[in-house]
């Protein structure tokens, strides 16, 4: 093959190699960009998964609090029903409160007045017996009134306890509503994050496919690229463009020979032998 033809083919091959190298670099840059995108998405997925774990723990804690609050509310409701039953039973045995004139205090004062009247007034036997009978009736009435007053006191105390329990039940109910709303909000946020993670994973899978495709393309192009470089080296060899390499090898060989000669001159100096003009030139070459 003529030199001109070799030069032409070598130049054409160089251009093809340059274009393919540029193409490979472009594909590799695209692959690296895809790697960066996948890395960014991976960080987002990790952050979302961390947040999902936190939300799940917070939601489960609130759900547990709701369960405990409901149990507490049930206990309060049971106590309220029991107190209401006691109230009804007590009210059933209780007589209506008398008016203010028949209060225990009024009856006691009336009994004292009548007893004092007997002691300080000169009454006839019949009159005294009549008042004594009246006192007896008043004492009986006082006993019944005191009993009724005690029952009404119990009713008021039970009613007070019922109101307190109802207040506690209402507060517990409000807590349940608040906790349930917070738990639901956490759950909904968690669901949304899961959707985002699923979408990001799809994007990640798509990027993985693109990256593998880029790798495959690079591998497919590397073989002909390497073959063309090999062919170009062959052309260069034929054109004598490896002369520089031959010169380098020759230079290394000369340096090795010079080092050997320098060693011989040094040995002469040590043994006191006479140096020749060539030996002096060799010694000068070390400077």
C-alpha atoms as a PDB file:
ATOM      1  CA  UNK A   1       0.000   0.000   0.000  1.00  0.00           C
ATOM      2  CA  UNK A   2       1.395   3.401  -1.041  1.00  0.00           C
ATOM      3  CA  UNK A   3       2.351   5.934   1.622  1.00  0.00           C
ATOM      4  CA  UNK A   4      -0.180   8.485   0.316  1.00  0.00           C
ATOM      5  CA  UNK A   5      -2.970   5.945   0.604  1.00  0.00           C
ATOM      6  CA  UNK A   6      -1.868   5.024   4.138  1.00  0.00           C
ATOM      7  CA  UNK A   7      -1.815   8.684   5.144  1.00  0.00           C
ATOM      8  CA  UNK A   8      -5.318   9.191   3.733  1.00  0.00           C
ATOM      9  CA  UNK A   9      -6.686   6.157   5.551  1.00  0.00           C
ATOM     10  CA  UNK A  10      -4.947   7.139   8.793  1.00  0.00           C
ATOM     11  CA  UNK A  11      -6.350  10.665   8.657  1.00  0.00           C
ATOM     12  CA  UNK A  12      -9.842   9.368   7.954  1.00  0.00           C
ATOM     13  CA  UNK A  13      -9.504   6.874  10.801  1.00  0.00           C
ATOM     14  CA  UNK A  14      -8.306   9.631  13.159  1.00  0.00           C
ATOM     15  CA  UNK A  15     -11.431  11.671  12.360  1.00  0.00           C
ATOM     16  CA  UNK A  16     -13.663   8.664  12.948  1.00  0.00           C
ATOM     17  CA  UNK A  17     -11.922   7.946  16.256  1.00  0.00           C
ATOM     18  CA  UNK A  18     -12.330  11.583  17.319  1.00  0.00           C
ATOM     19  CA  UNK A  19     -16.032  11.516  16.493  1.00  0.00           C
ATOM     20  CA  UNK A  20     -16.523   8.227  18.319  1.00  0.00           C
ATOM     21  CA  UNK A  21     -14.538   9.481  21.323  1.00  0.00           C
ATOM     22  CA  UNK A  22     -16.717  12.606  21.424  1.00  0.00           C
ATOM     23  CA  UNK A  23     -19.782  10.403  21.127  1.00  0.00           C
ATOM     24  CA  UNK A  24     -18.581   8.155  23.956  1.00  0.00           C
ATOM     25  CA  UNK A  25     -17.845  11.190  26.144  1.00  0.00           C
ATOM     26  CA  UNK A  26     -21.328  12.548  25.436  1.00  0.00           C
ATOM     27  CA  UNK A  27     -22.976   9.248  26.362  1.00  0.00           C
ATOM     28  CA  UNK A  28     -20.835   9.016  29.504  1.00  0.00           C
ATOM     29  CA  UNK A  29     -21.770  12.570  30.519  1.00  0.00           C
ATOM     30  CA  UNK A  30     -25.433  11.682  30.015  1.00  0.00           C
ATOM     31  CA  UNK A  31     -24.913   8.592  32.150  1.00  0.00           C
ATOM     32  CA  UNK A  32     -23.276  10.662  34.915  1.00  0.00           C
ATOM     33  CA  UNK A  33     -26.195  13.121  34.867  1.00  0.00           C
ATOM     34  CA  UNK A  34     -28.563  10.185  35.248  1.00  0.00           C
ATOM     35  CA  UNK A  35     -26.452   8.979  38.184  1.00  0.00           C
ATOM     36  CA  UNK A  36     -26.815  12.411  39.834  1.00  0.00           C
ATOM     37  CA  UNK A  37     -30.583  12.428  39.260  1.00  0.00           C
ATOM     38  CA  UNK A  38     -30.852   8.948  40.771  1.00  0.00           C
ATOM     39  CA  UNK A  39     -28.741  10.051  43.730  1.00  0.00           C
ATOM     40  CA  UNK A  40     -31.020  13.051  44.337  1.00  0.00           C
ATOM     41  CA  UNK A  41     -34.134  10.871  44.126  1.00  0.00           C
ATOM     42  CA  UNK A  42     -32.520   8.327  46.471  1.00  0.00           C
ATOM     43  CA  UNK A  43     -31.978  11.063  49.066  1.00  0.00           C
ATOM     44  CA  UNK A  44     -35.620  12.173  48.701  1.00  0.00           C
ATOM     45  CA  UNK A  45     -36.821   8.602  49.167  1.00  0.00           C
ATOM     46  CA  UNK A  46     -34.656   8.176  52.280  1.00  0.00           C
ATOM     47  CA  UNK A  47     -35.960  11.455  53.739  1.00  0.00           C
ATOM     48  CA  UNK A  48     -39.578  10.489  53.028  1.00  0.00           C
ATOM     49  CA  UNK A  49     -39.080   7.042  54.573  1.00  0.00           C
ATOM     50  CA  UNK A  50     -37.586   8.652  57.697  1.00  0.00           C
ATOM     51  CA  UNK A  51     -40.574  11.005  57.929  1.00  0.00           C
ATOM     52  CA  UNK A  52     -42.993   8.102  57.358  1.00  0.00           C
ATOM     53  CA  UNK A  53     -41.413   6.245  60.273  1.00  0.00           C
ATOM     54  CA  UNK A  54     -41.818   9.306  62.524  1.00  0.00           C
ATOM     55  CA  UNK A  55     -45.436   9.814  61.437  1.00  0.00           C
ATOM     56  CA  UNK A  56     -46.264   6.151  62.000  1.00  0.00           C
ATOM     57  CA  UNK A  57     -44.871   6.325  65.538  1.00  0.00           C
ATOM     58  CA  UNK A  58     -46.773   9.565  66.268  1.00  0.00           C
ATOM     59  CA  UNK A  59     -49.991   8.172  64.756  1.00  0.00           C
ATOM     60  CA  UNK A  60     -49.731   4.914  66.701  1.00  0.00           C
ATOM     61  CA  UNK A  61     -49.096   6.842  69.913  1.00  0.00           C
ATOM     62  CA  UNK A  62     -52.207   8.990  69.313  1.00  0.00           C
ATOM     63  CA  UNK A  63     -54.248   5.894  68.422  1.00  0.00           C
ATOM     64  CA  UNK A  64     -53.166   4.300  71.690  1.00  0.00           C
ATOM     65  CA  UNK A  65     -54.131   7.479  73.570  1.00  0.00           C
ATOM     66  CA  UNK A  66     -57.560   7.445  71.888  1.00  0.00           C
ATOM     67  CA  UNK A  67     -58.042   3.825  72.965  1.00  0.00           C
ATOM     68  CA  UNK A  68     -57.090   4.648  76.568  1.00  0.00           C
ATOM     69  CA  UNK A  69     -59.335   7.742  76.566  1.00  0.00           C
ATOM     70  CA  UNK A  70     -62.276   5.688  75.264  1.00  0.00           C
ATOM     71  CA  UNK A  71     -61.754   3.156  78.043  1.00  0.00           C
ATOM     72  CA  UNK A  72     -61.681   6.010  80.558  1.00  0.00           C
ATOM     73  CA  UNK A  73     -64.863   7.474  79.025  1.00  0.00           C
ATOM     74  CA  UNK A  74     -66.572   4.075  79.274  1.00  0.00           C
ATOM     75  CA  UNK A  75     -65.659   3.844  82.967  1.00  0.00           C
ATOM     76  CA  UNK A  76     -67.001   7.345  83.564  1.00  0.00           C
ATOM     77  CA  UNK A  77     -70.242   6.534  81.709  1.00  0.00           C
ATOM     78  CA  UNK A  78     -70.664   3.390  83.796  1.00  0.00           C
ATOM     79  CA  UNK A  79     -70.124   5.365  87.007  1.00  0.00           C
ATOM     80  CA  UNK A  80     -72.607   8.008  85.849  1.00  0.00           C
ATOM     81  CA  UNK A  81     -75.296   5.362  85.189  1.00  0.00           C
ATOM     82  CA  UNK A  82     -74.631   3.774  88.566  1.00  0.00           C
ATOM     83  CA  UNK A  83     -74.926   7.143  90.322  1.00  0.00           C
ATOM     84  CA  UNK A  84     -78.145   7.921  88.444  1.00  0.00           C
ATOM     85  CA  UNK A  85     -79.597   4.574  89.539  1.00  0.00           C
ATOM     86  CA  UNK A  86     -78.641   5.338  93.153  1.00  0.00           C
ATOM     87  CA  UNK A  87     -80.155   8.814  92.809  1.00  0.00           C
ATOM     88  CA  UNK A  88     -83.436   7.392  91.484  1.00  0.00           C
ATOM     89  CA  UNK A  89     -83.582   4.769  94.201  1.00  0.00           C
ATOM     90  CA  UNK A  90     -82.890   7.348  96.931  1.00  0.00           C
ATOM     91  CA  UNK A  91     -85.417   9.774  95.441  1.00  0.00           C
ATOM     92  CA  UNK A  92     -88.050   7.010  95.373  1.00  0.00           C
ATOM     93  CA  UNK A  93     -87.809   6.571  99.175  1.00  0.00           C
ATOM     94  CA  UNK A  94     -87.580  10.299  99.841  1.00  0.00           C
ATOM     95  CA  UNK A  95     -90.600  12.465 100.624  1.00  0.00           C
ATOM     96  CA  UNK A  96     -90.922  15.930  99.102  1.00  0.00           C
ATOM     97  CA  UNK A  97     -89.341  18.664 101.190  1.00  0.00           C
ATOM     98  CA  UNK A  98     -91.800  20.453 103.432  1.00  0.00           C
ATOM     99  CA  UNK A  99     -92.231  24.205 103.354  1.00  0.00           C
ATOM    100  CA  UNK A 100     -90.051  26.462 105.461  1.00  0.00           C
ATOM    101  CA  UNK A 101     -92.544  26.501 108.432  1.00  0.00           C
ATOM    102  CA  UNK A 102     -92.100  22.734 108.934  1.00  0.00           C
ATOM    103  CA  UNK A 103     -88.336  22.722 108.793  1.00  0.00           C
ATOM    104  CA  UNK A 104     -86.456  20.893 111.614  1.00  0.00           C
ATOM    105  CA  UNK A 105     -85.495  24.213 113.132  1.00  0.00           C
ATOM    106  CA  UNK A 106     -89.062  25.427 113.184  1.00  0.00           C
ATOM    107  CA  UNK A 107     -90.284  22.192 114.798  1.00  0.00           C
ATOM    108  CA  UNK A 108     -87.558  22.295 117.469  1.00  0.00           C
ATOM    109  CA  UNK A 109     -88.404  25.880 118.349  1.00  0.00           C
ATOM    110  CA  UNK A 110     -92.105  25.001 118.551  1.00  0.00           C
ATOM    111  CA  UNK A 111     -91.411  22.039 120.861  1.00  0.00           C
ATOM    112  CA  UNK A 112     -89.210  24.211 123.111  1.00  0.00           C
ATOM    113  CA  UNK A 113     -91.900  26.900 123.219  1.00  0.00           C
ATOM    114  CA  UNK A 114     -94.609  24.446 124.235  1.00  0.00           C
ATOM    115  CA  UNK A 115     -92.425  22.771 126.863  1.00  0.00           C
ATOM    116  CA  UNK A 116     -91.517  26.156 128.280  1.00  0.00           C
ATOM    117  CA  UNK A 117     -95.215  27.080 128.342  1.00  0.00           C
ATOM    118  CA  UNK A 118     -96.033  23.972 130.384  1.00  0.00           C
ATOM    119  CA  UNK A 119     -93.236  24.689 132.857  1.00  0.00           C
ATOM    120  CA  UNK A 120     -94.030  28.338 133.391  1.00  0.00           C
ATOM    121  CA  UNK A 121     -97.823  28.452 133.110  1.00  0.00           C
ATOM    122  CA  UNK A 122    -100.356  27.118 135.583  1.00  0.00           C
ATOM    123  CA  UNK A 123    -102.359  24.949 133.220  1.00  0.00           C
ATOM    124  CA  UNK A 124    -105.220  22.656 133.982  1.00  0.00           C
ATOM    125  CA  UNK A 125    -104.634  18.945 133.740  1.00  0.00           C
ATOM    126  CA  UNK A 126    -106.646  18.621 130.537  1.00  0.00           C
ATOM    127  CA  UNK A 127    -104.917  21.597 128.982  1.00  0.00           C
ATOM    128  CA  UNK A 128    -101.482  20.259 129.909  1.00  0.00           C
ATOM    129  CA  UNK A 129    -102.302  16.792 128.529  1.00  0.00           C
ATOM    130  CA  UNK A 130    -103.474  18.363 125.324  1.00  0.00           C
ATOM    131  CA  UNK A 131    -100.182  20.302 124.930  1.00  0.00           C
ATOM    132  CA  UNK A 132     -98.148  17.184 125.820  1.00  0.00           C
ATOM    133  CA  UNK A 133     -99.936  15.302 123.054  1.00  0.00           C
ATOM    134  CA  UNK A 134     -99.158  18.170 120.686  1.00  0.00           C
ATOM    135  CA  UNK A 135     -95.473  18.033 121.700  1.00  0.00           C
ATOM    136  CA  UNK A 136     -95.411  14.291 121.063  1.00  0.00           C
ATOM    137  CA  UNK A 137     -96.813  14.791 117.571  1.00  0.00           C
ATOM    138  CA  UNK A 138     -94.279  17.532 116.876  1.00  0.00           C
ATOM    139  CA  UNK A 139     -91.379  15.307 118.000  1.00  0.00           C
ATOM    140  CA  UNK A 140     -92.610  12.534 115.707  1.00  0.00           C
ATOM    141  CA  UNK A 141     -92.875  14.995 112.866  1.00  0.00           C
ATOM    142  CA  UNK A 142     -89.372  16.331 113.679  1.00  0.00           C
ATOM    143  CA  UNK A 143     -87.929  12.818 113.432  1.00  0.00           C
ATOM    144  CA  UNK A 144     -89.521  12.258 110.012  1.00  0.00           C
ATOM    145  CA  UNK A 145     -88.438  15.700 108.825  1.00  0.00           C
ATOM    146  CA  UNK A 146     -84.823  15.110 109.872  1.00  0.00           C
ATOM    147  CA  UNK A 147     -84.859  11.806 108.030  1.00  0.00           C
ATOM    148  CA  UNK A 148     -86.252  13.459 104.911  1.00  0.00           C
ATOM    149  CA  UNK A 149     -83.735  16.301 105.179  1.00  0.00           C
ATOM    150  CA  UNK A 150     -80.876  13.765 105.340  1.00  0.00           C
ATOM    151  CA  UNK A 151     -82.207  11.995 102.261  1.00  0.00           C
ATOM    152  CA  UNK A 152     -82.391  15.274 100.348  1.00  0.00           C
ATOM    153  CA  UNK A 153     -78.829  16.032 101.422  1.00  0.00           C
ATOM    154  CA  UNK A 154     -77.745  12.702  99.990  1.00  0.00           C
ATOM    155  CA  UNK A 155     -79.573  13.457  96.761  1.00  0.00           C
ATOM    156  CA  UNK A 156     -77.825  16.800  96.449  1.00  0.00           C
ATOM    157  CA  UNK A 157     -74.431  15.120  97.040  1.00  0.00           C
ATOM    158  CA  UNK A 158     -75.165  12.384  94.480  1.00  0.00           C
ATOM    159  CA  UNK A 159     -76.331  14.977  91.966  1.00  0.00           C
ATOM    160  CA  UNK A 160     -73.109  16.924  92.539  1.00  0.00           C
ATOM    161  CA  UNK A 161     -71.061  13.755  91.911  1.00  0.00           C
ATOM    162  CA  UNK A 162     -73.029  13.059  88.721  1.00  0.00           C
ATOM    163  CA  UNK A 163     -72.322  16.588  87.423  1.00  0.00           C
ATOM    164  CA  UNK A 164     -68.604  16.176  88.196  1.00  0.00           C
ATOM    165  CA  UNK A 165     -68.491  12.818  86.391  1.00  0.00           C
ATOM    166  CA  UNK A 166     -70.350  14.247  83.392  1.00  0.00           C
ATOM    167  CA  UNK A 167     -67.889  17.136  83.239  1.00  0.00           C
ATOM    168  CA  UNK A 168     -64.995  14.670  83.268  1.00  0.00           C
ATOM    169  CA  UNK A 169     -66.725  12.563  80.588  1.00  0.00           C
ATOM    170  CA  UNK A 170     -67.234  15.634  78.382  1.00  0.00           C
ATOM    171  CA  UNK A 171     -63.576  16.622  78.783  1.00  0.00           C
ATOM    172  CA  UNK A 172     -62.488  13.076  77.949  1.00  0.00           C
ATOM    173  CA  UNK A 173     -64.749  13.102  74.882  1.00  0.00           C
ATOM    174  CA  UNK A 174     -63.199  16.361  73.681  1.00  0.00           C
ATOM    175  CA  UNK A 175     -59.736  14.835  74.176  1.00  0.00           C
ATOM    176  CA  UNK A 176     -60.785  11.789  72.150  1.00  0.00           C
ATOM    177  CA  UNK A 177     -62.003  14.009  69.301  1.00  0.00           C
ATOM    178  CA  UNK A 178     -58.780  16.052  69.350  1.00  0.00           C
ATOM    179  CA  UNK A 179     -56.549  12.969  69.506  1.00  0.00           C
ATOM    180  CA  UNK A 180     -58.541  11.236  66.764  1.00  0.00           C
ATOM    181  CA  UNK A 181     -58.284  14.293  64.492  1.00  0.00           C
ATOM    182  CA  UNK A 182     -54.519  14.519  65.051  1.00  0.00           C
ATOM    183  CA  UNK A 183     -54.134  10.781  64.449  1.00  0.00           C
ATOM    184  CA  UNK A 184     -56.141  11.020  61.217  1.00  0.00           C
ATOM    185  CA  UNK A 185     -54.072  13.994  60.049  1.00  0.00           C
ATOM    186  CA  UNK A 186     -50.859  12.032  60.691  1.00  0.00           C
ATOM    187  CA  UNK A 187     -52.304   9.037  58.851  1.00  0.00           C
ATOM    188  CA  UNK A 188     -53.310  11.109  55.817  1.00  0.00           C
ATOM    189  CA  UNK A 189     -49.876  12.769  55.702  1.00  0.00           C
ATOM    190  CA  UNK A 190     -48.288   9.316  55.927  1.00  0.00           C
ATOM    191  CA  UNK A 191     -50.435   8.037  53.022  1.00  0.00           C
ATOM    192  CA  UNK A 192     -49.440  11.033  50.878  1.00  0.00           C
ATOM    193  CA  UNK A 193     -45.761  10.450  51.604  1.00  0.00           C
ATOM    194  CA  UNK A 194     -46.134   6.777  50.684  1.00  0.00           C
ATOM    195  CA  UNK A 195     -47.620   7.817  47.351  1.00  0.00           C
ATOM    196  CA  UNK A 196     -44.678  10.164  46.790  1.00  0.00           C
ATOM    197  CA  UNK A 197     -42.222   7.379  47.646  1.00  0.00           C
ATOM    198  CA  UNK A 198     -43.960   5.027  45.191  1.00  0.00           C
ATOM    199  CA  UNK A 199     -43.752   7.685  42.480  1.00  0.00           C
ATOM    200  CA  UNK A 200     -40.085   8.404  43.253  1.00  0.00           C
ATOM    201  CA  UNK A 201     -39.292   4.680  43.138  1.00  0.00           C
ATOM    202  CA  UNK A 202     -40.869   4.499  39.689  1.00  0.00           C
ATOM    203  CA  UNK A 203     -38.659   7.405  38.607  1.00  0.00           C
ATOM    204  CA  UNK A 204     -35.668   5.642  40.174  1.00  0.00           C
ATOM    205  CA  UNK A 205     -36.456   2.435  38.272  1.00  0.00           C
ATOM    206  CA  UNK A 206     -36.775   4.409  35.041  1.00  0.00           C
ATOM    207  CA  UNK A 207     -33.402   6.076  35.681  1.00  0.00           C
ATOM    208  CA  UNK A 208     -31.827   2.672  36.372  1.00  0.00           C
ATOM    209  CA  UNK A 209     -33.087   1.450  33.012  1.00  0.00           C
ATOM    210  CA  UNK A 210     -31.704   4.538  31.284  1.00  0.00           C
ATOM    211  CA  UNK A 211     -28.350   4.131  33.046  1.00  0.00           C
ATOM    212  CA  UNK A 212     -28.136   0.485  32.004  1.00  0.00           C
ATOM    213  CA  UNK A 213     -28.999   1.489  28.458  1.00  0.00           C
ATOM    214  CA  UNK A 214     -26.195   4.076  28.478  1.00  0.00           C
ATOM    215  CA  UNK A 215     -23.750   1.487  29.813  1.00  0.00           C
ATOM    216  CA  UNK A 216     -24.824  -0.947  27.128  1.00  0.00           C
ATOM    217  CA  UNK A 217     -24.336   1.669  24.396  1.00  0.00           C
ATOM    218  CA  UNK A 218     -20.880   2.514  25.743  1.00  0.00           C
ATOM    219  CA  UNK A 219     -19.885  -1.158  25.734  1.00  0.00           C
ATOM    220  CA  UNK A 220     -21.225  -1.594  22.211  1.00  0.00           C
ATOM    221  CA  UNK A 221     -19.208   1.394  20.977  1.00  0.00           C
ATOM    222  CA  UNK A 222     -16.012   0.540  22.860  1.00  0.00           C
ATOM    223  CA  UNK A 223     -15.225  -2.562  20.819  1.00  0.00           C
ATOM    224  CA  UNK A 224     -15.178  -0.873  17.378  1.00  0.00           C
ATOM    225  CA  UNK A 225     -13.495   2.157  19.004  1.00  0.00           C
ATOM    226  CA  UNK A 226     -10.675  -0.033  20.341  1.00  0.00           C
ATOM    227  CA  UNK A 227     -10.397  -1.821  16.988  1.00  0.00           C
ATOM    228  CA  UNK A 228     -10.035   1.481  15.156  1.00  0.00           C
ATOM    229  CA  UNK A 229      -7.330   2.627  17.598  1.00  0.00           C
ATOM    230  CA  UNK A 230      -5.537  -0.640  17.034  1.00  0.00           C
ATOM    231  CA  UNK A 231      -5.767  -0.158  13.263  1.00  0.00           C
ATOM    232  CA  UNK A 232      -4.517   3.412  13.580  1.00  0.00           C
ATOM    233  CA  UNK A 233      -1.468   2.210  15.508  1.00  0.00           C
ATOM    234  CA  UNK A 234      -0.795  -0.255  12.717  1.00  0.00           C
ATOM    235  CA  UNK A 235      -0.977   2.518  10.144  1.00  0.00           C
ATOM    236  CA  UNK A 236       1.398   4.639  12.212  1.00  0.00           C
ATOM    237  CA  UNK A 237       3.798   1.752  12.416  1.00  0.00           C
ATOM    238  CA  UNK A 238       3.707   1.320   8.693  1.00  0.00           C
ATOM    239  CA  UNK A 239       4.229   5.037   8.149  1.00  0.00           C
ATOM    240  CA  UNK A 240       7.246   5.102  10.440  1.00  0.00           C
ATOM    241  CA  UNK A 241       5.578   7.350  12.955  1.00  0.00           C
ATOM    242  CA  UNK A 242       6.987   5.197  15.702  1.00  0.00           C
ATOM    243  CA  UNK A 243      10.497   6.559  15.038  1.00  0.00           C
ATOM    244  CA  UNK A 244      10.240   8.682  18.158  1.00  0.00           C
ATOM    245  CA  UNK A 245       9.665   5.596  20.201  1.00  0.00           C
ATOM    246  CA  UNK A 246      12.710   3.984  18.596  1.00  0.00           C
ATOM    247  CA  UNK A 247      14.758   7.098  19.401  1.00  0.00           C
ATOM    248  CA  UNK A 248      13.608   6.899  23.003  1.00  0.00           C
ATOM    249  CA  UNK A 249      14.619   3.278  23.247  1.00  0.00           C
ATOM    250  CA  UNK A 250      18.006   4.121  21.717  1.00  0.00           C
ATOM    251  CA  UNK A 251      18.479   6.993  24.173  1.00  0.00           C
ATOM    252  CA  UNK A 252      17.715   4.713  27.123  1.00  0.00           C
ATOM    253  CA  UNK A 253      20.219   2.197  25.806  1.00  0.00           C
ATOM    254  CA  UNK A 254      22.898   4.912  25.507  1.00  0.00           C
ATOM    255  CA  UNK A 255      22.224   6.129  29.030  1.00  0.00           C
ATOM    256  CA  UNK A 256      22.620   2.607  30.328  1.00  0.00           C
ATOM    257  CA  UNK A 257      25.930   2.197  28.487  1.00  0.00           C
ATOM    258  CA  UNK A 258      27.189   5.544  29.807  1.00  0.00           C
ATOM    259  CA  UNK A 259      26.318   4.538  33.354  1.00  0.00           C
ATOM    260  CA  UNK A 260      28.376   1.385  32.941  1.00  0.00           C
ATOM    261  CA  UNK A 261      31.374   3.368  31.621  1.00  0.00           C
ATOM    262  CA  UNK A 262      31.079   5.856  34.495  1.00  0.00           C
ATOM    263  CA  UNK A 263      31.193   2.977  36.910  1.00  0.00           C
ATOM    264  CA  UNK A 264      34.392   1.681  35.272  1.00  0.00           C
ATOM    265  CA  UNK A 265      36.064   5.141  35.511  1.00  0.00           C
ATOM    266  CA  UNK A 266      35.103   5.378  39.205  1.00  0.00           C
ATOM    267  CA  UNK A 267      36.695   2.006  39.749  1.00  0.00           C
ATOM    268  CA  UNK A 268      39.923   3.217  38.062  1.00  0.00           C
ATOM    269  CA  UNK A 269      40.013   6.237  40.341  1.00  0.00           C
ATOM    270  CA  UNK A 270      39.591   4.045  43.419  1.00  0.00           C
ATOM    271  CA  UNK A 271      42.447   1.724  42.347  1.00  0.00           C
ATOM    272  CA  UNK A 272      44.709   4.642  41.279  1.00  0.00           C
ATOM    273  CA  UNK A 273      44.836   3.697  37.604  1.00  0.00           C
ATOM    274  CA  UNK A 274      45.715   6.280  34.947  1.00  0.00           C
ATOM    275  CA  UNK A 275      42.699   7.903  33.252  1.00  0.00           C
ATOM    276  CA  UNK A 276      42.485   8.235  29.466  1.00  0.00           C
ATOM    277  CA  UNK A 277      41.054  11.159  27.502  1.00  0.00           C
ATOM    278  CA  UNK A 278      37.872   9.123  26.958  1.00  0.00           C
ATOM    279  CA  UNK A 279      37.652   8.526  30.708  1.00  0.00           C
ATOM    280  CA  UNK A 280      37.852  12.259  31.358  1.00  0.00           C
ATOM    281  CA  UNK A 281      35.123  12.885  28.775  1.00  0.00           C
ATOM    282  CA  UNK A 282      32.935  10.285  30.474  1.00  0.00           C
ATOM    283  CA  UNK A 283      33.485  11.983  33.854  1.00  0.00           C
ATOM    284  CA  UNK A 284      32.561  15.355  32.334  1.00  0.00           C
ATOM    285  CA  UNK A 285      29.300  13.894  31.044  1.00  0.00           C
ATOM    286  CA  UNK A 286      28.156  13.395  34.658  1.00  0.00           C
ATOM    287  CA  UNK A 287      28.253  17.133  35.346  1.00  0.00           C
END
